[in-house]
Amino acid sequence: MLDRRARRGNYSLFMGVFATGVIGFGALGVDISYIAMANTQAQAVADAASHAALVAYRSSEARSVEQRAVEGKRAAAFFAEHNEVGLGEPGRLSAVTFGKFNPSNGQFLADAQPYNAARARVERSGSNPLELFLAPVLGLDSADIVQEGITAANPREIMVVVDRSCSMAWPWQSPGYRGVRDSLAVFGQYMVSHQVPRDRLGITSFSDRGDTWDPLRYIDGNEGDILSKWSSWGPCPSPNRPYYAYACNGGTAQARGIDPAVDALRSSGNDLAFKAVIVISDGNPSNSRESRRFLAATDRAWANDIHVWTVGFGENINDGLMRQATKGVGTYYRLPSSDGLEDVMLDIAKSIPVTIAD
């Protein structure tokens, strides 16, 4: 009995050594979990910051790329400053870079224009590392946290479908074609200055027949041609009918312009693009058959994930029909004359979404 009592101190020594190891591993477990949590938070903040940067860049009213980038970086900084990485401390936004993202290979090319992506880096390192709880027992006082997020914008493919029936060129309606011309110039200018890689634009027209006035083509590399053509909306060849110079023919059949626009968007080969049709008209379809074809054409567009905006001006507009023809996230705009077309087309240009992929 005396011998057994004398050996009890050995177990105490053993348990002391064993407890040190248990505490050490426990410390590592707690702090590893804390580091994992901080990395997850930093990744979320980096993703949110890159998203905010790109959205602010895309929605900026500034004309220069540099100023829009400044506004994007300011938006990213706001998100980084108001979100924790760890407990009680925000992360540091160490970099925001704009460039091109290629979804086919996942590569981001910094500073390459036109920008379609933003990259943000969020850190807890250097003078503001992640302070650990129990690991200092083992000599580990802090850990560095560094995460990056990239947000890219998918391209847009837009066909504008324009009325060229007789009413667009009657002498007392002659401002109609000028309003269309000026609105197309404003729309084209905005799309050129706010493009993302692989954006495309095109124009079809309709009277009682259809015509492709400018085929669907990439903005990048064609900026000058697009701005020149879209600001020169002009007459159809009508040497013997000067009053109808800006009309291709007499009737009104919206489907004749919508169908080729939908065909162009369906065959573009880019399933990632946001696709849209914008229909501009100053009148109703010529008869009930053309009204049905009008709605069928827009139904066909929506069946192929093509959103439809409609714009009607003048006195001879069927509001119910135009609203029915509006599809997806599109909107119907009603104007008394073509005087407000520039503002409407600018509003549509800003509202057509750039789909974002983090």
Protein backbone atom coordinates (compact mmCIF):
# COMPACT_ATOMS: atom_id res chain seq x y z
CA MET A 1 0.00 0.00 0.00
CA LEU A 2 2.80 2.41 0.87
CA ASP A 3 4.60 1.57 -2.38
CA ARG A 4 1.49 2.25 -4.47
CA ARG A 5 0.95 5.64 -2.82
CA ALA A 6 4.55 6.54 -3.52
CA ARG A 7 4.03 5.97 -7.26
CA ARG A 8 1.05 8.32 -7.61
CA GLY A 9 3.26 11.28 -8.56
CA ASN A 10 4.35 9.46 -11.70
CA TYR A 11 0.79 9.56 -13.05
CA SER A 12 0.55 13.25 -12.24
CA LEU A 13 3.69 13.95 -14.27
CA PHE A 14 2.35 11.86 -17.13
CA MET A 15 -1.02 13.64 -17.08
CA GLY A 16 0.70 17.02 -17.02
CA VAL A 17 2.65 16.20 -20.16
CA PHE A 18 -0.44 14.67 -21.78
CA ALA A 19 -2.61 17.68 -20.88
CA THR A 20 -0.13 20.02 -22.55
CA GLY A 21 -0.53 18.09 -25.77
CA VAL A 22 -4.30 18.03 -25.48
CA ILE A 23 -4.40 21.78 -24.90
CA GLY A 24 -2.03 22.31 -27.82
CA PHE A 25 -4.11 20.27 -30.23
CA GLY A 26 -7.25 21.94 -28.90
CA ALA A 27 -5.67 25.32 -29.53
CA LEU A 28 -4.82 24.30 -33.07
CA GLY A 29 -8.36 23.04 -33.63
CA VAL A 30 -9.95 26.26 -32.40
CA ASP A 31 -7.64 28.48 -34.40
CA ILE A 32 -7.77 26.34 -37.55
CA SER A 33 -11.54 26.71 -37.46
CA TYR A 34 -11.15 30.45 -36.90
CA ILE A 35 -8.74 30.75 -39.85
CA ALA A 36 -11.16 28.78 -42.05
CA MET A 37 -14.01 31.10 -41.02
CA ALA A 38 -11.90 34.18 -41.77
CA ASN A 39 -10.94 32.81 -45.20
CA THR A 40 -14.60 32.21 -46.00
CA GLN A 41 -15.46 35.74 -44.89
CA ALA A 42 -12.59 37.22 -46.91
CA GLN A 43 -13.71 35.33 -50.02
CA ALA A 44 -17.28 36.59 -49.59
CA VAL A 45 -16.06 40.17 -49.15
CA ALA A 46 -13.75 39.88 -52.17
CA ASP A 47 -16.62 38.54 -54.29
CA ALA A 48 -18.94 41.32 -53.10
CA ALA A 49 -16.28 43.98 -53.67
CA SER A 50 -15.54 42.80 -57.22
CA HIS A 51 -19.28 42.63 -57.94
CA ALA A 52 -19.81 46.16 -56.60
CA ALA A 53 -16.84 47.45 -58.60
CA LEU A 54 -18.15 46.06 -61.87
CA VAL A 55 -21.76 47.15 -61.30
CA ALA A 56 -20.64 50.69 -60.39
CA TYR A 57 -18.32 50.79 -63.40
CA ARG A 58 -21.10 49.61 -65.74
CA SER A 59 -23.76 51.96 -64.37
CA SER A 60 -21.57 55.07 -64.13
CA GLU A 61 -22.63 58.13 -66.11
CA ALA A 62 -19.00 59.24 -66.56
CA ARG A 63 -17.82 59.24 -70.15
CA SER A 64 -14.21 58.27 -69.48
CA VAL A 65 -13.16 54.72 -68.66
CA GLU A 66 -10.79 56.05 -66.02
CA GLN A 67 -13.51 57.90 -64.10
CA ARG A 68 -15.86 54.93 -64.25
CA ALA A 69 -13.05 52.76 -62.86
CA VAL A 70 -12.57 55.24 -60.00
CA GLU A 71 -16.26 54.94 -59.13
CA GLY A 72 -16.00 51.17 -59.28
CA LYS A 73 -13.06 51.13 -56.87
CA ARG A 74 -14.93 53.43 -54.51
CA ALA A 75 -17.89 51.02 -54.44
CA ALA A 76 -15.57 48.07 -53.77
CA ALA A 77 -13.88 49.93 -50.91
CA PHE A 78 -17.25 50.58 -49.28
CA PHE A 79 -18.05 46.85 -49.17
CA ALA A 80 -14.62 45.97 -47.81
CA GLU A 81 -14.79 48.60 -45.07
CA HIS A 82 -18.22 47.50 -43.84
CA ASN A 83 -17.71 43.73 -43.62
CA GLU A 84 -15.68 41.78 -41.08
CA VAL A 85 -12.90 39.32 -41.77
CA GLY A 86 -12.46 37.53 -38.46
CA LEU A 87 -14.07 39.05 -35.38
CA GLY A 88 -14.47 42.79 -35.10
CA GLU A 89 -12.05 43.82 -37.85
CA PRO A 90 -12.67 44.55 -41.54
CA GLY A 91 -10.38 43.19 -44.18
CA ARG A 92 -8.10 45.45 -46.20
CA LEU A 93 -8.95 45.96 -49.87
CA SER A 94 -5.41 45.73 -51.22
CA ALA A 95 -6.23 45.84 -54.95
CA VAL A 96 -9.07 46.37 -57.44
CA THR A 97 -8.23 45.66 -61.07
CA PHE A 98 -10.37 45.90 -64.18
CA GLY A 99 -9.75 43.80 -67.26
CA LYS A 100 -11.05 41.06 -69.54
CA PHE A 101 -12.25 37.69 -68.33
CA ASN A 102 -12.40 34.78 -70.77
CA PRO A 103 -15.09 32.32 -69.60
CA SER A 104 -13.82 29.58 -71.91
CA ASN A 105 -10.51 29.21 -70.09
CA GLY A 106 -11.18 31.07 -66.84
CA GLN A 107 -8.32 33.54 -67.39
CA PHE A 108 -8.41 37.17 -66.28
CA LEU A 109 -6.28 39.61 -68.29
CA ALA A 110 -5.67 42.70 -66.16
CA ASP A 111 -6.04 46.18 -67.70
CA ALA A 112 -7.20 44.81 -71.07
CA GLN A 113 -9.99 46.89 -72.62
CA PRO A 114 -12.91 46.98 -73.12
CA TYR A 115 -13.38 45.85 -69.53
CA ASN A 116 -15.87 43.11 -68.79
CA ALA A 117 -14.59 42.05 -65.36
CA ALA A 118 -13.29 43.32 -62.04
CA ARG A 119 -10.93 41.56 -59.62
CA ALA A 120 -10.70 42.47 -55.92
CA ARG A 121 -8.17 41.27 -53.32
CA VAL A 122 -9.05 41.36 -49.61
CA GLU A 123 -6.44 40.73 -46.88
CA ARG A 124 -5.78 40.47 -43.16
CA SER A 125 -1.99 40.54 -43.27
CA GLY A 126 1.02 42.75 -42.71
CA SER A 127 0.17 45.27 -40.00
CA ASN A 128 -3.34 43.82 -39.59
CA PRO A 129 -3.03 40.03 -39.46
CA LEU A 130 -5.63 37.69 -38.03
CA GLU A 131 -4.90 37.45 -34.30
CA LEU A 132 -5.25 33.88 -33.02
CA PHE A 133 -6.73 32.75 -29.70
CA LEU A 134 -4.88 29.75 -28.29
CA ALA A 135 -2.16 29.05 -30.81
CA PRO A 136 0.22 31.58 -29.14
CA VAL A 137 0.78 28.77 -26.60
CA LEU A 138 2.63 27.06 -29.45
CA GLY A 139 4.31 30.26 -30.64
CA LEU A 140 1.79 31.06 -33.41
CA ASP A 141 0.45 34.54 -32.74
CA SER A 142 -1.31 35.34 -36.03
CA ALA A 143 -2.19 34.17 -39.53
CA ASP A 144 -2.31 35.91 -42.93
CA ILE A 145 -5.61 35.85 -44.81
CA VAL A 146 -5.62 36.68 -48.55
CA GLN A 147 -8.53 36.04 -50.95
CA GLU A 148 -9.44 37.23 -54.45
CA GLY A 149 -12.80 37.53 -56.16
CA ILE A 150 -13.51 38.03 -59.87
CA THR A 151 -16.84 39.19 -61.27
CA ALA A 152 -17.41 39.12 -65.04
CA ALA A 153 -20.18 40.53 -67.21
CA ASN A 154 -21.71 38.41 -69.92
CA PRO A 155 -22.24 40.19 -73.26
CA ARG A 156 -25.47 41.60 -74.66
CA GLU A 157 -26.90 41.08 -78.13
CA ILE A 158 -29.52 43.66 -79.10
CA MET A 159 -31.60 44.10 -82.22
CA VAL A 160 -33.59 47.32 -82.67
CA VAL A 161 -36.69 46.89 -84.86
CA VAL A 162 -37.90 50.17 -86.40
CA ASP A 163 -41.15 51.18 -88.10
CA ARG A 164 -40.71 52.41 -91.69
CA SER A 165 -44.35 52.53 -92.73
CA CYS A 166 -45.83 55.53 -94.55
CA SER A 167 -46.92 57.29 -91.37
CA MET A 168 -43.29 57.66 -90.38
CA ALA A 169 -42.78 59.98 -93.37
CA TRP A 170 -46.03 61.82 -93.99
CA PRO A 171 -45.36 65.57 -94.19
CA TRP A 172 -47.23 66.25 -90.93
CA GLN A 173 -45.45 63.33 -89.27
CA SER A 174 -41.99 64.07 -90.64
CA PRO A 175 -40.40 64.58 -87.19
CA GLY A 176 -40.96 60.84 -86.73
CA TYR A 177 -37.98 59.69 -88.73
CA ARG A 178 -35.78 62.44 -87.28
CA GLY A 179 -36.72 61.36 -83.77
CA VAL A 180 -35.83 57.77 -84.65
CA ARG A 181 -32.53 58.83 -86.19
CA ASP A 182 -31.53 60.89 -83.16
CA SER A 183 -32.61 58.16 -80.72
CA LEU A 184 -30.63 55.51 -82.59
CA ALA A 185 -27.56 57.76 -82.45
CA VAL A 186 -27.95 58.19 -78.67
CA PHE A 187 -28.51 54.48 -78.12
CA GLY A 188 -25.52 53.51 -80.27
CA GLN A 189 -23.27 56.02 -78.52
CA TYR A 190 -24.19 54.68 -75.09
CA MET A 191 -23.67 51.06 -76.11
CA VAL A 192 -20.30 51.84 -77.69
CA SER A 193 -19.05 53.74 -74.64
CA HIS A 194 -20.40 51.14 -72.16
CA GLN A 195 -19.62 47.98 -74.08
CA VAL A 196 -18.31 44.73 -72.74
CA PRO A 197 -16.39 42.30 -74.94
CA ARG A 198 -18.57 40.46 -77.47
CA ASP A 199 -21.49 42.89 -77.23
CA ARG A 200 -23.39 43.00 -80.54
CA LEU A 201 -25.89 45.37 -82.12
CA GLY A 202 -28.10 45.34 -85.19
CA ILE A 203 -31.16 47.01 -86.74
CA THR A 204 -34.07 45.62 -88.74
CA SER A 205 -37.08 47.56 -90.04
CA PHE A 206 -40.63 46.85 -91.09
CA SER A 207 -43.45 48.28 -93.16
CA ASP A 208 -45.53 45.67 -94.97
CA ARG A 209 -42.25 43.88 -95.56
CA GLY A 210 -39.05 43.50 -93.57
CA ASP A 211 -35.48 44.67 -94.06
CA THR A 212 -32.15 44.31 -92.25
CA TRP A 213 -30.68 47.78 -92.12
CA ASP A 214 -27.59 46.92 -90.07
CA PRO A 215 -26.80 43.24 -89.42
CA LEU A 216 -25.98 41.98 -85.94
CA ARG A 217 -22.27 42.67 -85.43
CA TYR A 218 -19.72 43.08 -82.68
CA ILE A 219 -19.28 46.54 -81.22
CA ASP A 220 -15.61 45.95 -80.43
CA GLY A 221 -13.67 46.84 -83.57
CA ASN A 222 -16.68 48.42 -85.29
CA GLU A 223 -17.23 51.41 -83.02
CA GLY A 224 -16.68 54.06 -85.70
CA ASP A 225 -18.85 52.31 -88.28
CA ILE A 226 -21.69 51.79 -85.82
CA LEU A 227 -21.68 55.40 -84.64
CA SER A 228 -21.62 56.65 -88.23
CA LYS A 229 -24.38 54.36 -89.48
CA TRP A 230 -26.68 54.65 -86.47
CA SER A 231 -26.57 58.44 -86.64
CA SER A 232 -27.49 58.43 -90.35
CA TRP A 233 -30.84 56.61 -90.32
CA GLY A 234 -31.93 57.54 -93.81
CA PRO A 235 -34.40 57.04 -96.59
CA CYS A 236 -35.33 53.97 -98.54
CA PRO A 237 -34.76 54.37 -102.28
CA SER A 238 -37.92 56.17 -103.49
CA PRO A 239 -36.92 58.60 -106.24
CA ASN A 240 -40.52 58.95 -107.46
CA ARG A 241 -42.08 59.32 -104.00
CA PRO A 242 -40.21 62.07 -102.16
CA TYR A 243 -42.77 62.35 -99.36
CA TYR A 244 -42.26 58.68 -98.54
CA ALA A 245 -38.49 58.76 -98.67
CA TYR A 246 -38.20 57.58 -95.08
CA ALA A 247 -40.74 54.80 -95.48
CA CYS A 248 -40.03 51.48 -97.14
CA ASN A 249 -43.70 50.90 -97.92
CA GLY A 250 -47.18 51.72 -96.79
CA GLY A 251 -48.36 49.01 -94.39
CA THR A 252 -47.51 48.23 -90.78
CA ALA A 253 -46.42 44.67 -90.03
CA GLN A 254 -44.15 44.58 -86.96
CA ALA A 255 -43.56 40.84 -87.29
CA ARG A 256 -41.75 41.40 -90.61
CA GLY A 257 -38.99 43.17 -88.71
CA ILE A 258 -39.11 41.10 -85.51
CA ASP A 259 -38.74 37.69 -87.18
CA PRO A 260 -35.35 38.41 -88.82
CA ALA A 261 -34.16 40.06 -85.60
CA VAL A 262 -35.05 36.92 -83.62
CA ASP A 263 -33.41 34.72 -86.25
CA ALA A 264 -30.18 36.75 -85.99
CA LEU A 265 -30.13 36.46 -82.19
CA ARG A 266 -30.94 32.74 -82.20
CA SER A 267 -28.10 31.99 -84.62
CA SER A 268 -25.49 34.22 -82.95
CA GLY A 269 -23.75 31.25 -81.35
CA ASN A 270 -23.45 32.80 -77.88
CA ASP A 271 -25.79 31.20 -75.36
CA LEU A 272 -24.29 33.26 -72.50
CA ALA A 273 -25.34 36.60 -73.99
CA PHE A 274 -28.35 38.53 -72.75
CA LYS A 275 -30.54 38.89 -75.84
CA ALA A 276 -33.03 41.68 -76.46
CA VAL A 277 -35.31 43.11 -79.14
CA ILE A 278 -36.51 46.73 -79.03
CA VAL A 279 -39.56 47.47 -81.20
CA ILE A 280 -40.24 51.12 -82.16
CA SER A 281 -43.54 51.92 -83.90
CA ASP A 282 -45.96 54.80 -84.43
CA GLY A 283 -49.00 52.73 -85.37
CA ASN A 284 -51.04 49.57 -85.16
CA PRO A 285 -50.64 46.54 -87.40
CA SER A 286 -52.48 46.95 -90.69
CA ASN A 287 -55.07 44.27 -89.88
CA SER A 288 -56.00 41.61 -87.32
CA ARG A 289 -53.84 39.01 -89.06
CA GLU A 290 -50.76 41.21 -88.66
CA SER A 291 -51.70 41.83 -85.03
CA ARG A 292 -51.68 38.10 -84.40
CA ARG A 293 -48.36 37.75 -86.22
CA PHE A 294 -46.95 40.59 -84.12
CA LEU A 295 -47.77 38.79 -80.88
CA ALA A 296 -46.66 35.43 -82.27
CA ALA A 297 -43.29 36.93 -83.22
CA THR A 298 -42.72 38.29 -79.71
CA ASP A 299 -43.91 34.99 -78.20
CA ARG A 300 -41.33 33.25 -80.36
CA ALA A 301 -38.69 35.67 -79.13
CA TRP A 302 -39.50 34.93 -75.48
CA ALA A 303 -39.59 31.18 -76.17
CA ASN A 304 -35.94 31.61 -77.17
CA ASP A 305 -35.04 33.66 -74.05
CA ILE A 306 -35.09 36.93 -75.98
CA HIS A 307 -36.51 39.83 -73.97
CA VAL A 308 -38.69 42.40 -75.75
CA TRP A 309 -38.99 46.14 -75.13
CA THR A 310 -41.70 48.07 -76.99
CA VAL A 311 -41.92 51.79 -77.72
CA GLY A 312 -45.05 53.42 -79.16
CA PHE A 313 -45.52 57.06 -80.08
CA GLY A 314 -48.23 59.09 -81.77
CA GLU A 315 -52.02 58.81 -81.58
CA ASN A 316 -52.51 55.49 -83.37
CA ILE A 317 -51.10 53.07 -80.82
CA ASN A 318 -52.89 50.14 -79.24
CA ASP A 319 -51.50 50.19 -75.70
CA GLY A 320 -52.92 46.76 -74.86
CA LEU A 321 -51.30 45.16 -77.89
CA MET A 322 -47.94 46.77 -77.18
CA ARG A 323 -48.02 45.64 -73.56
CA GLN A 324 -48.84 42.10 -74.65
CA ALA A 325 -45.88 42.20 -77.00
CA THR A 326 -43.51 43.20 -74.18
CA LYS A 327 -41.67 40.16 -72.83
CA GLY A 328 -39.27 39.18 -70.05
CA VAL A 329 -37.72 42.14 -68.26
CA GLY A 330 -38.70 44.46 -71.10
CA THR A 331 -40.84 47.58 -70.60
CA TYR A 332 -43.47 49.33 -72.70
CA TYR A 333 -42.93 53.07 -73.27
CA ARG A 334 -45.75 55.29 -74.54
CA LEU A 335 -45.01 58.74 -76.00
CA PRO A 336 -47.24 61.39 -77.60
CA SER A 337 -44.66 62.01 -80.31
CA SER A 338 -41.13 61.08 -81.30
CA ASP A 339 -39.73 64.06 -79.38
CA GLY A 340 -39.00 61.92 -76.33
CA LEU A 341 -37.44 58.97 -78.15
CA GLU A 342 -33.88 59.94 -77.28
CA ASP A 343 -34.57 59.83 -73.55
CA VAL A 344 -36.50 56.57 -73.88
CA MET A 345 -33.77 54.81 -75.84
CA LEU A 346 -31.14 56.03 -73.38
CA ASP A 347 -33.27 54.71 -70.52
CA ILE A 348 -33.60 51.34 -72.26
CA ALA A 349 -29.85 51.20 -72.91
CA LYS A 350 -29.21 51.68 -69.19
CA SER A 351 -31.86 49.19 -68.14
CA ILE A 352 -30.74 46.29 -70.36
CA PRO A 353 -28.95 44.17 -67.78
CA VAL A 354 -25.42 42.95 -67.95
CA THR A 355 -25.69 39.48 -66.45
CA ILE A 356 -23.04 39.04 -63.79
CA ALA A 357 -21.11 35.86 -63.00
CA ASP A 358 -18.93 35.70 -59.85
